[in-house]
Protein backbone atom coordinates (compact mmCIF):
# COMPACT_ATOMS: atom_id res chain seq x y z
CA MET A 1 0.00 0.00 0.00
CA GLU A 2 3.02 2.34 0.37
CA ASN A 3 3.02 3.04 -3.39
CA VAL A 4 -0.66 3.91 -3.44
CA THR A 5 -1.63 7.58 -3.60
CA ARG A 6 -4.60 8.35 -1.36
CA VAL A 7 -7.02 10.83 -2.91
CA GLY A 8 -10.06 12.41 -1.28
CA ILE A 9 -12.75 13.71 -3.65
CA PHE A 10 -15.06 16.17 -1.91
CA ASN A 11 -18.43 17.20 -3.34
CA ASN A 12 -21.69 18.60 -1.97
CA ILE A 13 -23.82 15.69 -3.18
CA ALA A 14 -23.40 12.50 -5.22
CA PRO A 15 -25.56 12.97 -8.34
CA LEU A 16 -26.69 9.72 -9.91
CA TYR A 17 -25.11 10.48 -13.27
CA ILE A 18 -21.60 10.39 -11.77
CA ARG A 19 -21.88 6.75 -10.67
CA PRO A 20 -20.14 5.27 -13.77
CA LEU A 21 -17.14 7.56 -13.21
CA TRP A 22 -16.93 6.68 -9.51
CA ASP A 23 -16.99 2.98 -10.38
CA LYS A 24 -14.23 3.54 -12.92
CA LEU A 25 -12.05 5.49 -10.47
CA LEU A 26 -12.29 2.69 -7.94
CA GLU A 27 -10.72 0.33 -10.48
CA ALA A 28 -7.39 2.18 -10.16
CA ARG A 29 -4.62 0.10 -8.62
CA ASP A 30 -2.07 2.80 -7.80
CA ILE A 31 -4.53 5.45 -6.59
CA ARG A 32 -7.04 4.88 -3.80
CA TYR A 33 -10.02 7.18 -4.18
CA THR A 34 -12.37 8.04 -1.33
CA PHE A 35 -15.52 10.14 -1.83
CA ILE A 36 -16.80 12.67 0.69
CA THR A 37 -20.32 14.07 0.20
CA SER A 38 -23.67 14.43 1.87
CA SER A 39 -25.71 11.23 1.83
CA LYS A 40 -28.73 13.25 0.69
CA GLY A 41 -29.63 15.10 -2.50
CA HIS A 42 -30.74 18.69 -2.97
CA GLU A 43 -33.50 20.40 -4.98
CA GLY A 44 -34.83 17.14 -6.38
CA ILE A 45 -31.54 15.99 -7.92
CA LYS A 46 -31.42 12.20 -8.11
CA THR A 47 -28.44 10.83 -6.16
CA ILE A 48 -26.50 7.59 -5.79
CA ASP A 49 -27.95 5.13 -3.29
CA PRO A 50 -25.21 4.85 -0.62
CA THR A 51 -26.33 1.39 0.56
CA GLU A 52 -26.23 -0.12 -2.92
CA PHE A 53 -22.97 1.63 -3.84
CA LEU A 54 -21.11 0.53 -0.71
CA LYS A 55 -22.38 -3.02 -1.10
CA THR A 56 -21.12 -3.10 -4.68
CA ASN A 57 -17.78 -1.50 -3.79
CA ASP A 58 -16.95 -3.40 -0.62
CA ARG A 59 -13.35 -2.54 0.32
CA GLU A 60 -11.21 -2.74 3.43
CA ALA A 61 -10.58 1.01 3.33
CA PRO A 62 -13.59 3.35 3.42
CA VAL A 63 -14.68 4.53 -0.03
CA TRP A 64 -17.34 7.03 1.06
CA TYR A 65 -17.47 9.39 4.03
CA PHE A 66 -20.60 11.41 4.75
CA VAL A 67 -20.87 15.02 5.86
CA LYS A 68 -23.94 17.12 6.58
CA ASN A 69 -24.82 20.01 4.29
CA ILE A 70 -26.17 23.12 6.00
CA TYR A 71 -27.73 25.56 3.52
CA LEU A 72 -27.50 29.24 4.35
CA ALA A 73 -29.33 32.09 2.60
CA LYS A 74 -30.36 29.63 -0.14
CA ILE A 75 -27.05 29.78 -2.05
CA LEU A 76 -24.34 29.23 0.59
CA VAL A 77 -23.42 25.78 1.87
CA TYR A 78 -21.43 24.71 4.91
CA GLN A 79 -20.47 21.04 5.08
CA PHE A 80 -20.52 20.07 8.74
CA GLY A 81 -17.77 17.52 9.42
CA LEU A 82 -15.65 18.44 6.39
CA VAL A 83 -12.99 20.46 8.21
CA LYS A 84 -12.73 17.83 10.94
CA LEU A 85 -12.08 15.16 8.30
CA VAL A 86 -9.47 17.30 6.56
CA LEU A 87 -7.66 17.85 9.85
CA LYS A 88 -7.21 14.08 10.17
CA ASN A 89 -4.96 14.24 7.10
CA GLU A 90 -6.00 10.84 5.70
CA PHE A 91 -5.24 11.73 2.08
CA ASP A 92 -2.20 12.66 0.02
CA VAL A 93 -4.17 14.69 -2.54
CA TYR A 94 -7.37 16.66 -1.96
CA VAL A 95 -9.92 17.29 -4.73
CA PHE A 96 -12.66 19.76 -3.79
CA ALA A 97 -15.69 20.89 -5.79
CA GLY A 98 -14.79 24.23 -7.36
CA ASP A 99 -17.82 25.98 -5.89
CA MET A 100 -17.08 29.27 -4.17
CA TYR A 101 -20.48 29.17 -2.45
CA THR A 102 -19.42 26.17 -0.35
CA ILE A 103 -17.84 28.19 2.42
CA SER A 104 -16.36 25.19 4.24
CA THR A 105 -14.21 24.51 1.17
CA TRP A 106 -12.40 27.84 1.59
CA LEU A 107 -11.25 26.80 5.05
CA ALA A 108 -10.57 23.14 4.27
CA ALA A 109 -8.54 23.92 1.15
CA ALA A 110 -6.51 26.54 3.03
CA ILE A 111 -5.66 23.96 5.70
CA CYS A 112 -4.44 21.55 3.03
CA LYS A 113 -2.33 24.27 1.41
CA ILE A 114 -0.68 25.22 4.71
CA ARG A 115 0.02 21.56 5.42
CA GLY A 116 1.55 21.02 1.97
CA ASN A 117 -1.04 18.72 0.37
CA PRO A 118 -1.72 19.21 -3.37
CA VAL A 119 -5.16 20.77 -3.82
CA PHE A 120 -7.37 20.39 -6.89
CA PHE A 121 -10.63 22.22 -7.57
CA TRP A 122 -13.06 20.41 -9.88
CA GLY A 123 -15.73 22.49 -11.52
CA HIS A 124 -16.96 24.86 -14.20
CA GLY A 125 -14.19 27.39 -13.85
CA TYR A 126 -14.69 30.92 -15.12
CA TYR A 127 -17.83 31.56 -17.22
CA GLY A 128 -16.91 34.96 -18.60
CA ASN A 129 -20.23 36.66 -17.74
CA GLU A 130 -19.49 37.43 -14.08
CA TRP A 131 -19.90 41.02 -12.91
CA PHE A 132 -16.90 42.78 -11.31
CA PHE A 133 -17.33 41.76 -7.65
CA LYS A 134 -18.38 38.18 -8.39
CA LYS A 135 -15.53 37.78 -10.87
CA ASN A 136 -12.88 38.83 -8.38
CA ILE A 137 -14.26 36.71 -5.54
CA ARG A 138 -14.38 33.70 -7.87
CA LEU A 139 -10.81 34.22 -9.07
CA LEU A 140 -9.62 34.68 -5.46
CA PHE A 141 -11.25 31.36 -4.58
CA TYR A 142 -9.73 29.60 -7.59
CA ARG A 143 -6.24 30.77 -6.67
CA ILE A 144 -6.40 28.74 -3.45
CA ALA A 145 -6.03 25.56 -5.50
CA ASP A 146 -2.79 24.31 -6.99
CA TYR A 147 -4.55 22.58 -9.89
CA HIS A 148 -7.95 22.61 -11.58
CA PHE A 149 -10.10 19.94 -13.20
CA LEU A 150 -12.38 21.74 -15.64
CA TYR A 151 -15.43 20.49 -17.52
CA GLY A 152 -14.62 22.44 -20.69
CA ASN A 153 -11.83 23.91 -22.79
CA ARG A 154 -13.42 27.35 -22.94
CA ALA A 155 -13.13 27.74 -19.16
CA ARG A 156 -9.51 26.61 -19.37
CA LYS A 157 -8.70 29.28 -21.97
CA LEU A 158 -10.43 31.97 -19.92
CA LEU A 159 -8.44 31.08 -16.81
CA ILE A 160 -5.20 31.08 -18.79
CA ASN A 161 -6.09 34.59 -19.96
CA MET A 162 -6.57 35.51 -16.31
CA GLY A 163 -3.00 34.48 -15.53
CA PHE A 164 -3.45 30.88 -14.38
CA ASN A 165 -0.69 28.40 -15.26
CA ALA A 166 -1.79 26.34 -18.26
CA VAL A 167 0.07 23.20 -17.16
CA ARG A 168 -1.99 23.14 -13.95
CA LEU A 169 -5.36 23.26 -15.72
CA PHE A 170 -6.83 19.96 -16.94
CA THR A 171 -9.96 19.61 -19.08
CA VAL A 172 -11.68 16.44 -17.82
CA TYR A 173 -15.01 16.92 -19.66
CA ASN A 174 -18.12 15.22 -18.25
CA SER A 175 -19.88 11.93 -18.87
CA LEU A 176 -22.84 9.65 -18.37
CA ASP A 177 -23.10 5.86 -18.57
CA TYR A 178 -21.61 5.62 -22.04
CA ARG A 179 -21.10 1.87 -21.90
CA THR A 180 -24.85 1.36 -21.41
CA HIS A 181 -25.74 3.93 -24.07
CA LYS A 182 -23.40 2.28 -26.53
CA MET A 183 -25.06 -1.09 -25.96
CA LEU A 184 -28.56 0.37 -26.28
CA TYR A 185 -27.68 2.07 -29.56
CA ALA A 186 -26.15 -1.11 -30.99
CA ASN A 187 -29.31 -3.06 -30.12
CA LYS A 188 -31.88 -0.51 -31.25
CA ASP A 189 -34.91 -1.84 -33.12
CA GLN A 190 -36.22 0.58 -35.73
CA HIS A 191 -39.62 -1.17 -35.89
CA THR A 192 -40.11 -0.76 -32.13
CA LEU A 193 -39.12 2.90 -32.35
CA LEU A 194 -41.62 3.50 -35.14
CA GLN A 195 -44.39 1.83 -33.16
CA LEU A 196 -43.64 4.09 -30.20
CA LYS A 197 -43.79 7.13 -32.44
CA LYS A 198 -47.20 6.00 -33.73
CA LYS A 199 -48.38 5.53 -30.15
CA PHE A 200 -47.38 9.04 -29.08
CA PHE A 201 -48.43 10.77 -32.29
CA PRO A 202 -51.30 8.89 -33.96
CA ASP A 203 -51.46 9.62 -37.68
CA ARG A 204 -48.46 11.96 -37.31
CA GLU A 205 -45.58 9.48 -37.24
CA HIS A 206 -44.40 10.64 -40.68
CA TYR A 207 -43.63 14.14 -39.35
CA PRO A 208 -40.16 14.99 -38.00
CA THR A 209 -39.92 14.59 -34.23
CA MET A 210 -37.95 16.75 -31.83
CA LEU A 211 -37.11 16.10 -28.20
CA PHE A 212 -36.44 18.08 -25.06
CA ILE A 213 -35.15 16.16 -22.05
CA GLY A 214 -34.52 17.86 -18.72
CA ARG A 215 -36.24 19.71 -15.92
CA LEU A 216 -39.12 21.96 -16.96
CA THR A 217 -37.76 25.21 -15.53
CA LYS A 218 -37.65 28.84 -16.66
CA ARG A 219 -33.95 28.73 -17.43
CA LYS A 220 -34.56 25.98 -20.01
CA LYS A 221 -36.78 28.40 -22.02
CA ILE A 222 -39.05 25.70 -23.45
CA SER A 223 -41.56 28.38 -24.44
CA LEU A 224 -39.14 29.28 -27.24
CA LEU A 225 -39.49 25.76 -28.61
CA ILE A 226 -43.30 25.91 -28.45
CA ASN A 227 -43.30 29.22 -30.29
CA ALA A 228 -40.83 27.94 -32.88
CA ILE A 229 -43.17 25.04 -33.68
CA ARG A 230 -46.06 27.51 -33.88
CA LEU A 231 -44.11 29.58 -36.43
CA GLN A 232 -43.36 26.48 -38.44
CA ARG A 233 -47.05 25.48 -38.47
CA ASP A 234 -47.91 28.96 -39.72
CA LYS A 235 -45.55 28.27 -42.63
CA GLY A 236 -47.21 24.92 -43.31
CA ASN A 237 -44.51 22.77 -41.72
CA GLU A 238 -45.51 20.14 -39.15
CA PHE A 239 -43.35 18.82 -36.30
CA ASN A 240 -43.83 16.54 -33.32
CA CYS A 241 -42.18 17.21 -29.98
CA ILE A 242 -41.55 14.97 -26.97
CA LEU A 243 -40.95 16.63 -23.60
CA ILE A 244 -39.28 14.37 -21.03
CA GLY A 245 -39.05 15.82 -17.56
CA ASP A 246 -41.06 17.58 -14.90
CA GLY A 247 -40.93 20.88 -13.09
CA GLN A 248 -42.69 24.06 -12.03
CA GLU A 249 -43.15 25.28 -15.62
CA LYS A 250 -45.28 22.35 -16.76
CA GLU A 251 -48.71 23.96 -16.28
CA LYS A 252 -47.58 27.16 -17.98
CA LEU A 253 -46.25 25.19 -20.95
CA LEU A 254 -49.47 23.20 -21.23
CA SER A 255 -51.41 26.46 -21.25
CA GLU A 256 -49.26 27.85 -24.07
CA ILE A 257 -49.68 24.69 -26.12
CA HIS A 258 -53.46 24.90 -25.67
CA GLU A 259 -53.49 28.60 -26.57
CA PHE A 260 -51.70 27.92 -29.86
CA LYS A 261 -53.78 24.79 -30.55
CA LEU A 262 -50.67 22.61 -30.70
CA GLU A 263 -51.92 19.72 -28.54
CA ASP A 264 -51.46 17.24 -31.38
CA CYS A 265 -47.78 18.24 -31.72
CA PHE A 266 -46.67 17.61 -28.12
CA TYR A 267 -46.29 14.56 -25.89
CA PHE A 268 -45.43 15.04 -22.20
CA HIS A 269 -43.80 11.99 -20.67
CA GLY A 270 -42.69 13.22 -17.26
CA SER A 271 -39.43 12.41 -15.51
CA CYS A 272 -37.49 9.36 -16.65
CA TYR A 273 -34.37 7.96 -14.95
CA ASN A 274 -34.38 4.64 -16.78
CA ASP A 275 -31.75 4.58 -19.52
CA ALA A 276 -33.44 1.79 -21.47
CA GLU A 277 -36.65 3.82 -21.64
CA SER A 278 -35.22 7.29 -22.22
CA SER A 279 -32.89 5.98 -24.94
CA LYS A 280 -35.91 4.99 -27.04
CA PHE A 281 -37.28 8.54 -26.95
CA ILE A 282 -33.90 9.93 -27.95
CA MET A 283 -33.30 7.46 -30.76
CA LEU A 284 -36.75 7.89 -32.33
CA SER A 285 -36.26 11.67 -32.40
CA ASP A 286 -34.67 13.51 -35.29
CA CYS A 287 -32.93 15.93 -32.96
CA CYS A 288 -32.83 17.28 -29.42
CA VAL A 289 -33.64 20.96 -28.94
CA SER A 290 -32.41 22.71 -25.80
CA PRO A 291 -33.56 26.37 -26.05
CA GLY A 292 -31.87 27.41 -22.79
CA ASN A 293 -28.53 26.13 -21.57
CA VAL A 294 -27.63 22.58 -22.52
CA GLY A 295 -25.67 20.39 -20.17
CA LEU A 296 -25.53 16.62 -19.87
CA THR A 297 -28.56 16.44 -22.16
CA ALA A 298 -26.14 16.99 -25.04
CA ILE A 299 -23.94 14.11 -23.92
CA HIS A 300 -26.94 11.81 -23.51
CA CYS A 301 -28.32 12.54 -26.97
CA LEU A 302 -25.05 12.52 -28.89
CA SER A 303 -24.09 9.16 -27.37
CA LEU A 304 -27.24 7.76 -29.01
CA GLY A 305 -26.58 9.34 -32.39
CA THR A 306 -29.06 12.20 -32.03
CA PRO A 307 -27.79 15.73 -32.85
CA VAL A 308 -28.50 18.78 -30.69
CA ILE A 309 -29.78 22.30 -31.39
CA THR A 310 -29.05 24.95 -28.75
CA HIS A 311 -28.17 28.65 -28.48
CA ASN A 312 -24.83 30.23 -29.34
CA ASN A 313 -24.09 32.45 -26.31
CA PHE A 314 -21.38 30.37 -24.62
CA SER A 315 -21.20 32.72 -21.61
CA ASN A 316 -24.72 31.52 -20.73
CA GLN A 317 -24.09 27.88 -21.55
CA MET A 318 -22.94 24.82 -19.67
CA PRO A 319 -19.51 23.37 -20.57
CA GLU A 320 -21.03 20.32 -22.28
CA VAL A 321 -22.10 22.66 -25.10
CA GLU A 322 -18.58 22.13 -26.47
CA SER A 323 -19.75 18.73 -27.71
CA VAL A 324 -22.06 20.50 -30.17
CA ILE A 325 -20.09 21.34 -33.30
CA GLU A 326 -21.90 23.38 -35.94
CA ASN A 327 -22.88 21.29 -38.98
CA LYS A 328 -21.21 18.23 -37.44
CA THR A 329 -22.99 17.22 -34.23
CA GLY A 330 -25.71 19.87 -34.20
CA PHE A 331 -26.64 23.48 -34.85
CA TYR A 332 -26.79 26.78 -33.00
CA PHE A 333 -29.38 29.55 -33.01
CA GLU A 334 -29.25 33.11 -31.71
CA GLU A 335 -30.02 33.14 -27.99
CA ASN A 336 -33.62 34.03 -27.07
CA LYS A 337 -34.59 34.59 -30.74
CA VAL A 338 -37.57 32.41 -31.64
CA GLU A 339 -37.25 33.20 -35.35
CA SER A 340 -33.64 31.97 -35.28
CA LEU A 341 -34.63 28.77 -33.47
CA SER A 342 -37.47 28.20 -35.92
CA ALA A 343 -35.10 28.58 -38.86
CA ALA A 344 -32.54 26.23 -37.29
CA ILE A 345 -35.20 23.55 -36.83
CA GLU A 346 -36.46 23.95 -40.38
CA ASN A 347 -32.96 23.84 -41.90
CA PHE A 348 -31.87 20.90 -39.75
CA VAL A 349 -34.82 18.62 -40.40
CA GLY A 350 -35.20 19.67 -44.02
CA GLY A 351 -31.66 18.49 -44.72
CA ASN A 352 -32.18 15.03 -43.20
CA GLN A 353 -29.27 15.85 -40.92
CA LYS A 354 -29.61 13.07 -38.37
CA GLN A 355 -28.53 10.37 -40.79
CA LEU A 356 -25.57 12.53 -41.85
CA MET A 357 -24.49 13.42 -38.31
CA ALA A 358 -25.11 10.27 -36.25
CA ALA A 359 -21.58 8.87 -36.65
CA ALA A 360 -19.96 12.20 -35.73
CA CYS A 361 -22.22 12.51 -32.66
CA ILE A 362 -21.15 9.14 -31.33
CA ASN A 363 -17.50 9.78 -32.18
CA MET A 364 -17.55 12.98 -30.11
CA ILE A 365 -18.55 10.97 -27.02
CA GLU A 366 -16.19 8.12 -27.87
CA GLU A 367 -13.21 10.47 -27.94
CA ASN A 368 -13.96 12.87 -25.09
CA PHE A 369 -17.13 12.65 -23.00
CA ASN A 370 -16.90 9.21 -21.41
CA PRO A 371 -15.80 7.79 -18.02
CA GLN A 372 -12.72 6.03 -19.40
CA ASN A 373 -11.32 9.24 -20.87
CA GLN A 374 -12.04 11.09 -17.64
CA PHE A 375 -10.34 8.33 -15.65
CA ASN A 376 -7.22 8.59 -17.80
CA ILE A 377 -6.96 12.39 -17.52
CA ILE A 378 -7.70 12.53 -13.78
CA SER A 379 -5.31 9.73 -12.85
CA GLU A 380 -2.45 11.15 -14.91
CA ALA A 381 -2.94 14.64 -13.48
CA ILE A 382 -2.95 13.37 -9.89
CA LYS A 383 0.22 11.35 -10.46
CA LYS A 384 1.99 14.39 -11.89
CA ALA A 385 0.80 16.65 -9.08
CA TYR A 386 1.79 14.28 -6.29
CA SER A 387 5.21 13.55 -7.80
CA VAL A 388 6.28 17.21 -7.40
CA TYR A 389 5.36 17.42 -3.71
């Protein structure tokens, strides 16, 4: 065990989507990873079941410590028990969530720095749309860390422009359960998908079908999609649309659909956390449209060969938007402009783009946005960081 590097990965919660990466990290032989989070979720986010995870990953050394999240003023978080755990000095390398609103991380990371442990922050990095005070507080927080794991290359470039050392910034991307998605895509049954389409849209299965998958919230701007379909109907073009998800905007969206007499165009499915089920919706769709910011939705859809349409203001996007390459894995429209979105939908579907783009969509995930690639980048970075201390 003397040649094993002990790494603590600290996060507020353990979102369900990160499970495949955690499983992959625990396969490492020369690095022993331990996860430190709350055992509970927050704001309806689905999380990993601790009992099932610990049963599956039964090790002599603990693989998961739990702390208690205390939420202050709605945006600040203090993780009770985090500082106490850090003071025990059980790890060689400390990886904290790069979230400046988690106030316990400021203190815990400072302790590690004083003690001489390498400190990583793992997060979004700099967005580029922060106002003066927020920008400077964020940069002050980021300078506590020795190294950064970043979800996207844009954030890396912005931090380099802010004076951060490029060799200490690592783009690790993000991922879902790509192994499962790959299997589901290989075993897809076109007849079954067509029958589902007929079920959801009787007598309309011959029309192009779009998909939105995610929480039905204001920031997702689904009203833009409804209005874009309305504009297309006014031009004589018909589209179907599947909405997968739930949220506080649902009743408002239903009202808008009724107002525009578009009930026959839309199918609401509700939340879906079953990959086998959600994959069918994605694969039967011609494209995914994310009118607001697009995050892991892009990774999910591209891994199943379905291109993505989203807006082009990267300062208001999530890092996963980098998987959408114009005319290759999807298309962009002008943010908040319904006419631009309507045109993007018309041009995309009219050109039969899914068949042309499917291979490139999958290749994007194969090369970058998968747990194996993340594992390789993270492990190599930690080895390099620890070797210099």
